[in-house]
Protein backbone atom coordinates (compact mmCIF):
# COMPACT_ATOMS: atom_id res chain seq x y z
CA MET A 1 159.42 68.99 167.85
CA ALA A 2 156.61 69.84 165.25
CA LYS A 3 158.30 67.71 162.62
CA LYS A 4 158.06 64.73 165.04
CA LYS A 5 154.44 65.08 165.78
CA LYS A 6 153.60 65.32 161.92
CA LYS A 7 155.50 62.05 161.35
CA GLU A 8 153.66 60.32 164.27
CA LYS A 9 150.53 61.53 162.85
CA LYS A 10 151.20 60.06 159.37
CA LYS A 11 152.16 56.80 160.92
CA LYS A 12 148.86 56.56 162.79
CA LYS A 13 146.80 57.41 159.36
CA LYS A 14 148.78 54.55 157.66
CA GLN A 15 147.66 51.77 160.07
CA LYS A 16 144.29 50.38 159.16
CA LYS A 17 141.80 48.49 161.47
CA ILE A 18 140.60 45.26 160.10
CA LYS A 19 137.16 46.60 161.11
CA ASP A 20 137.49 49.40 158.87
CA MET A 21 137.53 46.79 155.65
CA THR A 22 135.24 47.91 153.01
CA TRP A 23 133.11 45.58 150.94
CA GLY A 24 135.01 45.89 148.04
CA GLU A 25 138.38 45.43 150.01
CA CYS A 26 136.81 42.14 151.53
CA TRP A 27 136.16 40.44 148.14
CA LYS A 28 139.47 41.93 146.70
CA TRP A 29 141.62 40.33 149.64
CA CYS A 30 139.49 37.18 149.91
CA LEU A 31 140.33 36.51 146.17
CA ALA A 32 143.93 37.33 146.30
CA MET A 33 144.42 34.92 149.01
CA TRP A 34 142.60 32.10 147.34
CA LYS A 35 144.15 32.76 144.04
CA TRP A 36 147.51 32.36 145.66
CA ILE A 37 146.52 29.17 147.69
CA SER A 38 145.22 27.64 144.70
CA GLU A 39 148.46 28.17 142.73
CA GLU A 40 150.42 27.04 145.75
CA GLN A 41 148.53 23.78 146.46
CA PRO A 42 149.44 20.96 143.80
CA GLU A 43 146.22 19.92 141.94
CA SER A 44 147.35 16.22 142.67
CA LYS A 45 147.29 17.15 146.55
CA GLU A 46 143.68 18.03 146.30
CA GLY A 47 140.82 15.85 147.58
CA TRP A 48 139.29 14.53 150.60
CA ASP A 49 141.94 13.95 153.39
CA ASP A 50 142.24 14.23 157.16
CA ASP A 51 145.44 16.22 156.87
CA ARG A 52 144.21 18.76 154.12
CA LEU A 53 142.74 21.50 156.41
CA ALA A 54 145.94 21.76 158.26
CA VAL A 55 147.83 22.38 155.11
CA ILE A 56 145.30 25.12 153.91
CA VAL A 57 145.37 26.58 157.36
CA GLU A 58 149.08 26.76 157.13
CA LEU A 59 148.82 28.37 153.41
CA LYS A 60 146.30 30.76 154.65
CA ASP A 61 148.54 32.12 157.54
CA LYS A 62 151.47 32.36 155.10
CA TRP A 63 149.80 34.50 153.02
CA LEU A 64 148.50 36.73 155.55
CA LYS A 65 151.65 37.02 157.05
CA ASP A 66 154.01 37.34 153.87
CA LYS A 67 151.40 39.06 151.47
CA TRP A 68 148.84 40.83 153.19
CA LEU A 69 149.58 42.27 156.94
CA GLU A 70 152.55 44.50 156.06
CA GLU A 71 151.53 45.45 152.75
CA HIS A 72 148.40 46.88 154.11
CA GLY A 73 149.56 48.58 157.15
CA PHE A 74 147.90 46.01 159.64
CA THR A 75 149.79 44.37 162.48
CA GLY A 76 149.68 40.68 163.55
CA LYS A 77 146.96 41.31 166.00
CA ASP A 78 144.62 42.68 163.28
CA ARG A 79 143.78 39.29 161.48
CA PRO A 80 140.84 38.35 159.96
CA LEU A 81 138.42 35.85 161.94
CA GLU A 82 139.37 32.47 161.12
CA GLY A 83 141.93 33.62 158.47
CA CYS A 84 138.86 34.43 156.53
CA PHE A 85 137.72 37.90 155.10
CA PHE A 86 134.33 36.83 154.52
CA CYS A 87 133.90 35.43 158.25
CA GLU A 88 135.55 38.75 159.46
CA TRP A 89 132.74 40.68 157.52
CA ASN A 90 129.97 38.29 158.94
CA ASP A 91 131.40 38.88 162.35
CA GLN A 92 131.42 42.67 162.13
CA SER A 93 127.80 42.35 161.08
CA GLY A 94 127.11 40.68 164.62
CA ASN A 95 126.46 37.45 163.24
CA SER A 96 129.55 35.27 164.29
CA TYR A 97 129.57 31.51 163.09
CA ASN A 98 126.19 31.73 161.63
CA CYS A 99 127.06 33.03 158.32
CA ASN A 100 124.09 35.10 157.56
CA ASN A 101 125.90 38.02 156.38
CA CYS A 102 128.77 36.10 154.93
CA PRO A 103 129.63 38.01 151.37
CA GLY A 104 129.44 34.59 149.54
CA ASN A 105 125.98 33.91 151.01
CA ILE A 106 124.71 37.41 150.28
CA VAL A 107 125.66 37.22 146.79
CA ASP A 108 124.64 33.57 146.30
CA LYS A 109 121.19 34.12 148.24
CA ASN A 110 121.91 32.05 151.30
CA LYS A 111 123.07 28.76 149.02
CA PHE A 112 126.95 29.60 149.47
CA SER A 113 129.07 27.60 152.07
CA CYS A 114 132.72 27.34 151.97
CA THR A 115 132.46 23.79 153.27
CA ASP A 116 130.11 22.69 150.54
CA TYR A 117 130.65 19.03 149.34
CA ASP A 118 131.45 20.36 145.73
CA TRP A 119 133.94 23.05 146.56
CA ASP A 120 135.18 22.48 150.16
CA TYR A 121 137.93 25.26 150.67
CA SER A 122 139.80 22.78 152.72
CA CYS A 123 140.00 19.78 150.08
CA PHE A 124 139.33 21.74 146.92
CA PRO A 125 141.19 25.23 147.01
CA ARG A 126 140.99 25.52 143.07
CA LYS A 127 137.33 24.65 142.81
CA PHE A 128 136.63 27.11 145.78
CA TYR A 129 138.71 29.69 144.18
CA ARG A 130 136.56 29.41 140.89
CA LYS A 131 133.23 29.41 142.84
CA LEU A 132 134.47 33.14 144.51
CA LEU A 133 135.30 34.00 140.90
CA ARG A 134 131.72 33.13 139.77
CA LEU A 135 130.12 34.79 142.66
CA ASP A 136 132.39 37.99 142.21
CA LYS A 137 131.37 38.10 138.51
CA ARG A 138 127.69 38.03 139.77
CA ARG A 139 128.42 40.38 142.35
CA ARG A 140 129.79 43.01 140.02
CA GLU A 141 127.22 42.59 137.07
CA LYS A 142 124.41 42.95 139.72
CA GLY A 143 125.96 45.55 141.82
CA ILE A 144 125.16 43.45 145.01
CA ARG A 145 126.70 45.51 147.93
CA GLY A 146 127.15 44.09 151.55
CA ARG A 147 124.66 44.94 153.98
CA ARG A 148 125.17 47.96 156.24
CA ARG A 149 127.25 46.55 159.39
CA LYS A 150 126.05 47.05 162.78
CA GLU A 151 128.24 48.80 165.27
CA LYS A 152 129.76 46.51 167.97
CA THR A 153 128.48 47.28 171.40
CA GLY A 154 130.57 46.46 174.44
CA GLN A 155 130.19 42.87 174.81
């Protein structure tokens, strides 16, 4: 009986919650996902096209399911908001959908937008990934850290 309880405790410790994501994990996982997407999406398929968003959403879902959820001890219910680690971080800071606390925005001093004409994530995943790499380099060089996240209240 005592051995069973120890095993159950170990299993519980392994399972993380997306709300426990650290600033470093947010960047690491975002970069890993966009690296994979930029490698999966042929360059010839990049550009402005109404169907492009559906393809990128499908690739994000595939990466989350195949490469991230199980590997990191998450369940299918514990997905980042919009399939985006930056959106999830922003939401956990109490800024749902206004992007004030988006990690890209924090590093880029409120100039970053994932839908910017020059690197829109849904049309130009390679450019978007390169933009994230530049921001990550700046983040590391300047030691930029995310703002302290607010605890969610019972809303």
